[in-house]
Amino acid sequence: MTQLEREDVQGLVFSGYAAMHEARYLFYEVADPAGARRWLGELAARVTTGSAGEGAHCTNVALTHRGLAALGLDPEPLSTFAPPFQEGMTTPYRQRVLGDVGPSAPDMWAWGGPPGSDSSAPEDRLHVLLLLFAPDGGAMDSLLDAEMSRATGEGALRHLQTLQPEPLPGTISAGKFGVEHFGFADGMSQPVIQGTGQEDELAGEQARRHVVATGEFVLGYPNGYGELTPSPWLPGPDSGKVDLGRNGTYLVVRQLKQDVHGFRELVRRLAGTVGDDADAEARFAAKLVGRWYSGAPLARTPHRDDVDLATDNAFGYAEVDPYGERCPLGAHIRRANPRDSTAPERARALELTNLHRILRRGRVYGPGLPDAATEDDLVERGLIFICMSANIERQFEFVQQTWCNNPKFSGLYEEQDPVLGTPPPEGGLFTVQGSPFATRARGLTNFVTVRGGAYFFLPGVRGLLSLAGRS
């Protein structure tokens, strides 16, 4: 049994704080290194941990590699962090890995773009991310004023930008946080971290499907290979080393703008791919995503939506849908989590898939586009995607490159994730498998555009104190 040191792990690892309806993500630049270290040491006492519960509000903090350097870390300990974290998200290589091309290229980002870009918080100045959560607007105003004053009052940090997300809109119910802007229920497909106690309710196939080794998400514990992921360190007393990474994790943050009107128009235009009945539009949209609007998976209910299955996550593809005739092989959720379809033997397939899982903590931003809207209102809306992993390359970047953006995923040809991908100018392709033949939708456009992004490190509480120079 893995014994997690919950009191040292920041609470965001265990919870998306669904009861906290207000959130603010604040970007800071280190202005005074000594003052910033003092601030970080004082903040450590206020950080919400995995053992503290949500309380009246929640506070978490993360830093970029440049932020750690701005605090005064020497090159040697800085070199012990994961290579993607050191390099950042905007290098040409990482642009290719993540598919950040065309309108999603970092030069176009509103924040996190390369030095010299028009970003309000370019990567060379983006040092600290402070995440604040509160149950309502009044509590958030008080929390925001207090934390802003502490961070900037004595010149330790310089405020660059604030993102204002919100929980997924819609009815909040058990196992489902609501809907994202395209209209699909979201939030029900998350891995269970071994050692949290949540795995006690699962056994057999369900455990193999959902329970993931602690070290896949929290440094300092065995990962899916039974090994310890390399952890960053600081010089310690008597020529020793301090494990800075223990109980920490890497945080991926990306702002994804959604073209809701464009998505709806494409669904209307291509609905004939799957039929000419009254439900064709909803069915084609479900084919693109892999779930119906309610959240019900196509693998379980391929012909019609079933709200009784809205929160169902206990399904696979190998036995009921090996050829994609229920849920297309290239559908978004099948690419992002292939479940038991990555190897001939189901147990081995689940084992392999779970080596590439990520823990999501996203929230939407911007107002929803009314269902009755007949044209684009030109208001920006989308998702602030946040995920955690102990190994950025093997988890987040692998999912992006090898599954979502791979044109030959699962035997396909010249196709990308139909929701997240950046198709060529002539339009993208999407195959709907069927019997006796498959049909192919053509002319898919760009529905999601990256507006900002960065890699952060989310230390444990002891790690924060070490960075502050306190034991």
Protein backbone atom coordinates (compact mmCIF):
# COMPACT_ATOMS: atom_id res chain seq x y z
CA MET A 1 0.00 0.00 0.00
CA THR A 2 1.39 3.38 -1.05
CA GLN A 3 1.33 5.84 1.84
CA LEU A 4 0.89 9.28 0.33
CA GLU A 5 2.15 12.22 2.36
CA ARG A 6 -1.04 14.15 1.70
CA GLU A 7 -0.12 16.95 4.10
CA ASP A 8 2.85 17.80 1.84
CA VAL A 9 1.07 17.54 -1.54
CA GLN A 10 -0.75 20.57 -2.91
CA GLY A 11 -4.49 19.95 -2.95
CA LEU A 12 -4.96 20.50 -6.69
CA VAL A 13 -3.48 17.04 -7.21
CA PHE A 14 -6.44 15.49 -5.38
CA SER A 15 -9.29 17.83 -6.30
CA GLY A 16 -10.51 20.19 -8.97
CA TYR A 17 -12.27 22.16 -6.19
CA ALA A 18 -15.68 21.75 -7.82
CA ALA A 19 -17.40 23.45 -4.86
CA MET A 20 -15.25 26.52 -5.45
CA HIS A 21 -17.23 28.24 -8.20
CA GLU A 22 -14.85 31.18 -8.51
CA ALA A 23 -11.23 30.87 -9.64
CA ARG A 24 -8.41 33.22 -10.62
CA TYR A 25 -5.07 32.29 -12.14
CA LEU A 26 -2.49 35.03 -11.57
CA PHE A 27 0.77 35.29 -13.50
CA TYR A 28 3.70 37.04 -11.80
CA GLU A 29 7.25 38.04 -12.60
CA VAL A 30 9.91 37.94 -9.88
CA ALA A 31 10.99 41.54 -9.26
CA ASP A 32 13.01 41.07 -6.04
CA PRO A 33 14.46 37.55 -5.61
CA ALA A 34 14.97 37.84 -1.84
CA GLY A 35 11.49 39.28 -1.37
CA ALA A 36 10.00 36.59 -3.63
CA ARG A 37 11.63 33.86 -1.54
CA ARG A 38 10.21 35.39 1.64
CA TRP A 39 6.78 35.58 0.05
CA LEU A 40 7.02 31.94 -1.02
CA GLY A 41 8.00 30.85 2.48
CA GLU A 42 5.03 32.71 4.00
CA LEU A 43 2.68 31.39 1.31
CA ALA A 44 3.65 27.80 2.15
CA ALA A 45 1.64 28.07 5.37
CA ARG A 46 -1.48 29.12 3.42
CA VAL A 47 -1.25 26.59 0.59
CA THR A 48 -4.13 24.12 0.45
CA THR A 49 -2.86 20.57 0.83
CA GLY A 50 -4.32 17.14 0.23
CA SER A 51 -5.03 16.71 3.92
CA ALA A 52 -6.48 20.14 4.67
CA GLY A 53 -9.82 19.93 2.84
CA GLU A 54 -11.23 22.80 0.83
CA GLY A 55 -12.22 25.07 3.71
CA ALA A 56 -13.30 28.66 3.03
CA HIS A 57 -11.00 28.99 0.01
CA CYS A 58 -8.11 27.22 -1.70
CA THR A 59 -4.66 28.43 -2.72
CA ASN A 60 -1.98 26.69 -4.77
CA VAL A 61 1.23 27.92 -6.41
CA ALA A 62 3.52 26.76 -9.21
CA LEU A 63 6.67 28.09 -10.89
CA THR A 64 8.28 27.99 -14.32
CA HIS A 65 11.90 27.04 -14.92
CA ARG A 66 12.72 30.70 -15.55
CA GLY A 67 10.91 31.52 -12.33
CA LEU A 68 13.11 29.14 -10.37
CA ALA A 69 16.17 30.76 -11.95
CA ALA A 70 14.80 34.20 -11.05
CA LEU A 71 14.51 33.05 -7.42
CA GLY A 72 18.24 32.40 -7.48
CA LEU A 73 18.63 28.67 -8.15
CA ASP A 74 22.03 27.78 -9.55
CA PRO A 75 22.46 26.10 -12.96
CA GLU A 76 23.28 22.68 -11.49
CA PRO A 77 19.99 22.15 -9.59
CA LEU A 78 18.08 23.82 -12.45
CA SER A 79 19.48 21.16 -14.77
CA THR A 80 17.89 18.38 -12.67
CA PHE A 81 14.35 19.26 -13.75
CA ALA A 82 12.65 17.43 -16.62
CA PRO A 83 13.91 18.55 -20.09
CA PRO A 84 10.50 19.75 -21.39
CA PHE A 85 10.11 21.90 -18.28
CA GLN A 86 13.58 23.35 -18.80
CA GLU A 87 13.00 24.07 -22.48
CA GLY A 88 9.50 25.47 -22.21
CA MET A 89 6.58 25.06 -24.56
CA THR A 90 7.59 27.40 -27.42
CA THR A 91 10.72 25.81 -28.90
CA PRO A 92 10.41 24.64 -32.54
CA TYR A 93 10.69 21.02 -31.44
CA ARG A 94 7.90 21.33 -28.87
CA GLN A 95 5.72 23.20 -31.38
CA ARG A 96 5.93 20.14 -33.63
CA VAL A 97 5.29 17.73 -30.75
CA LEU A 98 2.26 19.64 -29.50
CA GLY A 99 0.89 20.62 -32.91
CA ASP A 100 1.16 24.34 -32.12
CA VAL A 101 1.27 25.53 -35.72
CA GLY A 102 -0.67 27.96 -37.86
CA PRO A 103 -3.13 30.00 -35.76
CA SER A 104 -1.92 28.13 -32.65
CA ALA A 105 1.76 29.06 -33.11
CA PRO A 106 3.34 30.59 -29.96
CA ASP A 107 4.03 33.88 -31.78
CA MET A 108 0.26 34.38 -31.81
CA TRP A 109 -0.34 33.64 -28.13
CA ALA A 110 -1.91 36.14 -25.73
CA TRP A 111 0.43 34.95 -22.95
CA GLY A 112 3.37 32.58 -22.61
CA GLY A 113 4.72 33.41 -26.07
CA PRO A 114 8.44 33.57 -26.88
CA PRO A 115 10.56 36.53 -25.75
CA GLY A 116 9.92 39.55 -27.91
CA SER A 117 6.37 38.50 -28.80
CA ASP A 118 3.29 40.57 -28.03
CA SER A 119 2.30 38.28 -25.15
CA SER A 120 1.18 40.10 -22.01
CA ALA A 121 3.21 37.55 -20.03
CA PRO A 122 5.98 36.27 -22.34
CA GLU A 123 7.81 33.15 -21.24
CA ASP A 124 10.97 34.99 -20.18
CA ARG A 125 8.93 37.03 -17.67
CA LEU A 126 6.36 34.39 -16.71
CA HIS A 127 7.75 33.11 -13.40
CA VAL A 128 4.96 32.30 -10.95
CA LEU A 129 1.39 31.02 -11.22
CA LEU A 130 -0.84 31.61 -8.20
CA LEU A 131 -4.12 29.67 -8.32
CA LEU A 132 -6.96 30.97 -6.15
CA PHE A 133 -10.35 29.32 -5.59
CA ALA A 134 -13.36 30.55 -3.60
CA PRO A 135 -17.04 29.55 -3.30
CA ASP A 136 -18.50 32.88 -4.47
CA GLY A 137 -17.62 36.31 -5.81
CA GLY A 138 -17.44 38.03 -2.44
CA ALA A 139 -15.07 35.48 -0.99
CA MET A 140 -12.95 35.63 -4.13
CA ASP A 141 -12.69 39.44 -3.98
CA SER A 142 -11.42 39.25 -0.40
CA LEU A 143 -8.97 36.45 -1.19
CA LEU A 144 -7.73 38.17 -4.33
CA ASP A 145 -7.13 41.51 -2.59
CA ALA A 146 -5.25 39.85 0.26
CA GLU A 147 -3.02 37.67 -1.91
CA MET A 148 -2.33 40.43 -4.43
CA SER A 149 -1.26 42.74 -1.62
CA ARG A 150 1.06 40.11 -0.14
CA ALA A 151 2.66 39.34 -3.50
CA THR A 152 3.17 42.87 -4.80
CA GLY A 153 2.92 45.12 -1.73
CA GLU A 154 6.66 45.15 -1.01
CA GLY A 155 7.79 44.78 -4.59
CA ALA A 156 8.61 41.06 -4.44
CA LEU A 157 6.53 40.16 -7.47
CA ARG A 158 5.20 42.08 -10.44
CA HIS A 159 1.68 41.17 -11.58
CA LEU A 160 1.47 40.43 -15.32
CA GLN A 161 -1.99 39.02 -16.03
CA THR A 162 -5.00 37.32 -14.48
CA LEU A 163 -7.08 34.60 -16.12
CA GLN A 164 -10.65 34.28 -14.88
CA PRO A 165 -12.03 30.80 -15.47
CA GLU A 166 -15.16 29.25 -14.02
CA PRO A 167 -16.35 25.72 -13.38
CA LEU A 168 -17.86 23.88 -16.31
CA PRO A 169 -21.38 25.34 -16.66
CA GLY A 170 -24.50 23.27 -16.39
CA THR A 171 -25.91 21.11 -13.66
CA ILE A 172 -23.30 19.91 -11.19
CA SER A 173 -23.94 16.31 -10.17
CA ALA A 174 -22.03 13.31 -8.86
CA GLY A 175 -19.23 12.38 -11.20
CA LYS A 176 -19.91 15.19 -13.65
CA PHE A 177 -18.96 18.85 -13.35
CA GLY A 178 -21.12 20.19 -16.19
CA VAL A 179 -20.57 20.92 -19.89
CA GLU A 180 -17.87 22.62 -21.94
CA HIS A 181 -18.61 25.23 -24.61
CA PHE A 182 -19.23 22.78 -27.47
CA GLY A 183 -22.05 21.40 -25.32
CA PHE A 184 -20.58 18.09 -24.12
CA ALA A 185 -20.60 16.88 -20.53
CA ASP A 186 -17.06 16.61 -19.24
CA GLY A 187 -15.05 15.66 -16.19
CA MET A 188 -16.12 12.05 -15.70
CA SER A 189 -13.07 10.27 -17.13
CA GLN A 190 -10.20 10.67 -14.66
CA PRO A 191 -7.60 8.20 -13.42
CA VAL A 192 -7.62 7.16 -9.76
CA ILE A 193 -4.30 7.72 -7.98
CA GLN A 194 -3.14 4.71 -6.02
CA GLY A 195 -2.84 5.61 -2.35
CA THR A 196 -5.66 8.17 -2.24
CA GLY A 197 -8.19 5.67 -0.90
CA GLN A 198 -10.44 6.06 -3.94
CA GLU A 199 -9.05 2.82 -5.32
CA ASP A 200 -10.55 0.88 -2.40
CA GLU A 201 -13.92 0.97 -4.16
CA LEU A 202 -12.55 -0.64 -7.33
CA ALA A 203 -11.48 -4.20 -8.05
CA GLY A 204 -10.67 -6.49 -10.96
CA GLU A 205 -11.27 -4.99 -14.41
CA GLN A 206 -12.33 -1.65 -12.96
CA ALA A 207 -9.12 -1.34 -10.96
CA ARG A 208 -6.99 -2.25 -13.98
CA ARG A 209 -8.86 0.31 -16.05
CA HIS A 210 -8.74 3.29 -13.70
CA VAL A 211 -6.16 2.91 -10.92
CA VAL A 212 -2.79 4.42 -11.83
CA ALA A 213 0.47 4.19 -9.88
CA THR A 214 1.09 7.09 -7.50
CA GLY A 215 4.38 7.99 -9.14
CA GLU A 216 2.67 8.71 -12.43
CA PHE A 217 1.40 11.93 -10.87
CA VAL A 218 3.42 12.60 -7.71
CA LEU A 219 7.21 12.54 -7.63
CA GLY A 220 8.90 10.40 -4.99
CA TYR A 221 6.72 7.31 -5.42
CA PRO A 222 6.96 4.28 -7.75
CA ASN A 223 5.53 4.93 -11.21
CA GLY A 224 3.86 2.47 -13.58
CA TYR A 225 7.19 0.79 -14.23
CA GLY A 226 7.80 0.30 -10.50
CA GLU A 227 10.57 2.90 -10.61
CA LEU A 228 11.09 6.41 -9.29
CA THR A 229 10.83 9.17 -11.88
CA PRO A 230 13.94 11.42 -11.70
CA SER A 231 13.34 14.18 -9.18
CA PRO A 232 14.93 17.66 -9.04
CA TRP A 233 17.14 18.47 -6.07
CA LEU A 234 18.86 21.31 -4.26
CA PRO A 235 22.26 21.32 -2.57
CA GLY A 236 21.91 20.36 1.08
CA PRO A 237 24.05 20.52 4.21
CA ASP A 238 27.30 18.56 4.40
CA SER A 239 27.49 18.22 0.60
CA GLY A 240 24.18 16.39 0.63
CA LYS A 241 21.09 16.89 -1.52
CA VAL A 242 17.56 17.99 -0.72
CA ASP A 243 14.85 16.22 -2.74
CA LEU A 244 13.01 19.24 -4.08
CA GLY A 245 10.67 17.17 -6.21
CA ARG A 246 9.20 14.84 -3.59
CA ASN A 247 5.43 15.30 -3.37
CA GLY A 248 5.55 17.71 -6.30
CA THR A 249 4.38 17.34 -9.88
CA TYR A 250 4.52 19.09 -13.24
CA LEU A 251 1.64 21.30 -14.28
CA VAL A 252 0.64 21.91 -17.90
CA VAL A 253 -1.46 25.01 -18.53
CA ARG A 254 -2.91 25.86 -21.95
CA GLN A 255 -5.60 28.35 -22.90
CA LEU A 256 -7.71 26.84 -25.70
CA LYS A 257 -10.05 29.13 -27.61
CA GLN A 258 -13.12 27.32 -28.95
CA ASP A 259 -14.94 28.23 -32.17
CA VAL A 260 -18.40 27.15 -31.03
CA HIS A 261 -20.26 28.65 -33.98
CA GLY A 262 -17.86 26.98 -36.42
CA PHE A 263 -18.29 23.62 -34.69
CA ARG A 264 -22.08 23.87 -34.84
CA GLU A 265 -22.02 24.88 -38.50
CA LEU A 266 -19.76 21.97 -39.43
CA VAL A 267 -21.98 19.52 -37.58
CA ARG A 268 -25.00 20.83 -39.50
CA ARG A 269 -23.14 20.65 -42.81
CA LEU A 270 -21.75 17.13 -42.37
CA ALA A 271 -24.55 15.48 -40.42
CA GLY A 272 -25.58 13.65 -43.60
CA THR A 273 -22.45 11.54 -43.17
CA VAL A 274 -24.32 9.50 -40.56
CA GLY A 275 -27.93 9.76 -41.76
CA ASP A 276 -30.77 12.11 -42.65
CA ASP A 277 -33.02 11.64 -39.61
CA ALA A 278 -33.79 14.20 -36.89
CA ASP A 279 -30.96 12.94 -34.67
CA ALA A 280 -28.26 13.02 -37.36
CA GLU A 281 -26.62 16.23 -36.12
CA ALA A 282 -26.36 15.00 -32.54
CA ARG A 283 -25.11 11.62 -33.78
CA PHE A 284 -22.40 13.15 -35.97
CA ALA A 285 -21.25 15.42 -33.14
CA ALA A 286 -21.09 12.35 -30.90
CA LYS A 287 -19.03 10.52 -33.54
CA LEU A 288 -16.47 13.35 -33.51
CA VAL A 289 -16.16 13.32 -29.73
CA GLY A 290 -16.90 9.69 -28.82
CA ARG A 291 -19.65 10.60 -26.34
CA TRP A 292 -23.13 12.00 -26.72
CA TYR A 293 -23.83 15.51 -25.43
CA SER A 294 -25.03 14.00 -22.14
CA GLY A 295 -21.68 12.24 -21.68
CA ALA A 296 -23.00 8.76 -22.53
CA PRO A 297 -20.25 6.84 -24.39
CA LEU A 298 -20.87 5.61 -27.93
CA ALA A 299 -19.19 2.36 -27.00
CA ARG A 300 -22.12 1.63 -24.69
CA THR A 301 -25.00 3.29 -26.57
CA PRO A 302 -24.08 3.77 -30.25
CA HIS A 303 -27.49 4.59 -31.76
CA ARG A 304 -29.08 7.09 -29.37
CA ASP A 305 -28.23 9.19 -26.34
CA ASP A 306 -28.97 7.64 -22.95
CA VAL A 307 -28.78 10.00 -19.98
CA ASP A 308 -28.71 7.04 -17.62
CA LEU A 309 -25.19 6.38 -18.95
CA ALA A 310 -24.12 10.03 -18.75
CA THR A 311 -21.45 9.42 -16.12
CA ASP A 312 -20.47 5.94 -17.31
CA ASN A 313 -16.73 5.42 -17.44
CA ALA A 314 -16.70 1.61 -17.15
CA PHE A 315 -16.28 0.74 -20.80
CA GLY A 316 -13.64 -0.45 -23.24
CA TYR A 317 -13.32 -0.94 -26.98
CA ALA A 318 -11.55 -4.27 -27.48
CA GLU A 319 -14.55 -6.59 -27.09
CA VAL A 320 -17.54 -4.49 -28.16
CA ASP A 321 -16.04 -2.14 -30.74
CA PRO A 322 -12.63 -3.26 -32.05
CA TYR A 323 -13.20 -1.77 -35.52
CA GLY A 324 -14.74 1.56 -34.52
CA GLU A 325 -18.26 0.90 -35.76
CA ARG A 326 -19.71 2.27 -32.53
CA CYS A 327 -17.12 4.88 -31.57
CA PRO A 328 -14.95 5.87 -34.55
CA LEU A 329 -11.27 4.96 -34.24
CA GLY A 330 -10.30 8.62 -34.57
CA ALA A 331 -12.89 10.10 -32.19
CA HIS A 332 -11.50 12.54 -29.62
CA ILE A 333 -11.96 10.44 -26.47
CA ARG A 334 -10.70 7.29 -28.20
CA ARG A 335 -7.50 9.09 -29.17
CA ALA A 336 -7.01 10.77 -25.80
CA ASN A 337 -7.56 7.50 -23.90
CA PRO A 338 -7.55 4.34 -26.07
CA ARG A 339 -8.30 2.23 -22.99
CA ASP A 340 -7.98 -1.48 -23.83
CA SER A 341 -7.33 -1.11 -27.57
CA THR A 342 -3.54 -0.50 -27.63
CA ALA A 343 -2.46 -4.17 -27.56
CA PRO A 344 -3.96 -7.56 -28.51
CA GLU A 345 -4.33 -8.65 -24.87
CA ARG A 346 -6.75 -6.44 -22.96
CA ALA A 347 -5.00 -6.46 -19.57
CA ARG A 348 -1.71 -5.56 -21.22
CA ALA A 349 -3.43 -2.85 -23.26
CA LEU A 350 -4.83 -1.22 -20.12
CA GLU A 351 -1.41 -1.43 -18.49
CA LEU A 352 0.20 0.31 -21.47
CA THR A 353 -2.48 2.98 -21.72
CA ASN A 354 -2.17 3.81 -18.03
CA LEU A 355 1.49 4.68 -18.58
CA HIS A 356 0.30 7.73 -20.52
CA ARG A 357 -2.57 9.05 -18.41
CA ILE A 358 -2.91 12.67 -17.30
CA LEU A 359 -4.87 14.22 -14.44
CA ARG A 360 -7.08 17.06 -15.73
CA ARG A 361 -8.20 20.15 -13.82
CA GLY A 362 -9.68 22.34 -16.58
CA ARG A 363 -12.21 25.15 -16.36
CA VAL A 364 -13.99 27.10 -19.05
CA TYR A 365 -13.74 30.83 -19.65
CA GLY A 366 -15.99 33.28 -21.46
CA PRO A 367 -19.80 33.26 -21.77
CA GLY A 368 -21.57 30.46 -23.57
CA LEU A 369 -22.89 30.98 -27.10
CA PRO A 370 -26.71 30.82 -26.92
CA ASP A 371 -28.21 27.73 -28.53
CA ALA A 372 -30.38 29.91 -30.76
CA ALA A 373 -27.45 31.97 -32.12
CA THR A 374 -27.36 31.92 -35.93
CA GLU A 375 -24.00 33.65 -36.30
CA ASP A 376 -20.75 34.09 -34.41
CA ASP A 377 -20.91 36.80 -31.74
CA LEU A 378 -17.08 37.21 -31.93
CA VAL A 379 -16.77 36.86 -28.13
CA GLU A 380 -13.80 34.74 -27.08
CA ARG A 381 -14.62 31.60 -25.10
CA GLY A 382 -12.88 28.35 -24.45
CA LEU A 383 -11.15 26.11 -21.95
CA ILE A 384 -8.22 26.75 -19.64
CA PHE A 385 -6.74 23.28 -19.80
CA ILE A 386 -4.71 22.21 -16.76
CA CYS A 387 -3.25 18.78 -16.30
CA MET A 388 -0.68 17.14 -14.03
CA SER A 389 1.87 14.43 -14.67
CA ALA A 390 5.20 13.34 -13.23
CA ASN A 391 6.65 12.83 -16.70
CA ILE A 392 5.67 15.53 -19.22
CA GLU A 393 7.14 13.69 -22.21
CA ARG A 394 5.69 10.26 -21.53
CA GLN A 395 2.29 11.53 -20.46
CA PHE A 396 1.02 14.88 -21.75
CA GLU A 397 3.29 15.20 -24.80
CA PHE A 398 2.85 11.55 -25.75
CA VAL A 399 -0.93 11.90 -25.72
CA GLN A 400 -0.72 15.04 -27.86
CA GLN A 401 1.77 13.73 -30.42
CA THR A 402 1.28 9.96 -30.61
CA TRP A 403 -2.46 9.76 -30.08
CA CYS A 404 -4.23 13.08 -30.77
CA ASN A 405 -2.10 14.54 -33.57
CA ASN A 406 -0.94 11.27 -35.15
CA PRO A 407 -2.34 11.08 -38.73
CA LYS A 408 -1.88 7.28 -38.70
CA PHE A 409 -3.41 6.61 -35.27
CA SER A 410 -5.09 3.19 -35.09
CA GLY A 411 -4.47 2.52 -38.79
CA LEU A 412 -6.01 5.76 -40.05
CA TYR A 413 -4.48 7.92 -42.77
CA GLU A 414 -4.05 11.72 -42.88
CA GLU A 415 -6.39 12.37 -39.95
CA GLN A 416 -5.96 14.22 -36.65
CA ASP A 417 -8.08 14.61 -33.55
CA PRO A 418 -11.28 16.00 -35.11
CA VAL A 419 -11.82 18.40 -32.20
CA LEU A 420 -8.32 19.50 -31.12
CA GLY A 421 -6.36 19.10 -34.35
CA THR A 422 -5.15 21.82 -36.70
CA PRO A 423 -6.24 20.60 -40.16
CA PRO A 424 -4.58 21.69 -43.42
CA PRO A 425 -5.96 24.70 -45.32
CA GLU A 426 -8.02 22.47 -47.61
CA GLY A 427 -9.78 20.97 -44.58
CA GLY A 428 -9.36 17.90 -42.43
CA LEU A 429 -10.67 14.35 -42.81
CA PHE A 430 -12.64 12.15 -40.43
CA THR A 431 -13.56 8.53 -41.05
CA VAL A 432 -16.78 7.09 -39.67
CA GLN A 433 -16.34 3.32 -39.64
CA GLY A 434 -19.38 1.24 -40.48
CA SER A 435 -20.66 -1.93 -42.08
CA PRO A 436 -20.58 -2.77 -44.93
CA PHE A 437 -18.38 0.28 -45.61
CA ALA A 438 -16.96 3.35 -43.93
CA THR A 439 -17.82 6.92 -44.86
CA ARG A 440 -15.45 9.87 -44.78
CA ALA A 441 -16.31 13.42 -43.75
CA ARG A 442 -14.25 16.09 -45.48
CA GLY A 443 -13.61 19.76 -44.87
CA LEU A 444 -13.11 19.77 -41.09
CA THR A 445 -11.98 23.18 -39.93
CA ASN A 446 -10.02 24.48 -36.94
CA PHE A 447 -12.28 24.48 -33.87
CA VAL A 448 -9.64 24.92 -31.14
CA THR A 449 -6.84 27.50 -31.14
CA VAL A 450 -4.11 27.72 -28.53
CA ARG A 451 -4.01 31.21 -26.99
CA GLY A 452 -1.31 30.63 -24.38
CA GLY A 453 0.59 27.98 -22.53
CA ALA A 454 3.46 27.09 -20.22
CA TYR A 455 4.98 24.28 -18.18
CA PHE A 456 5.05 24.78 -14.41
CA PHE A 457 6.34 22.85 -11.42
CA LEU A 458 3.94 22.41 -8.49
CA PRO A 459 6.18 21.73 -5.45
CA GLY A 460 5.23 20.03 -2.24
CA VAL A 461 4.99 22.25 0.84
CA ARG A 462 8.45 21.22 1.99
CA GLY A 463 9.68 22.00 -1.50
CA LEU A 464 8.25 25.50 -1.24
CA LEU A 465 10.05 26.00 2.08
CA SER A 466 13.29 24.74 0.53
CA LEU A 467 12.94 27.21 -2.33
CA ALA A 468 12.35 29.93 0.23
CA GLY A 469 15.58 28.97 2.00
CA ARG A 470 13.79 27.58 5.05
CA SER A 471 14.20 24.12 6.52
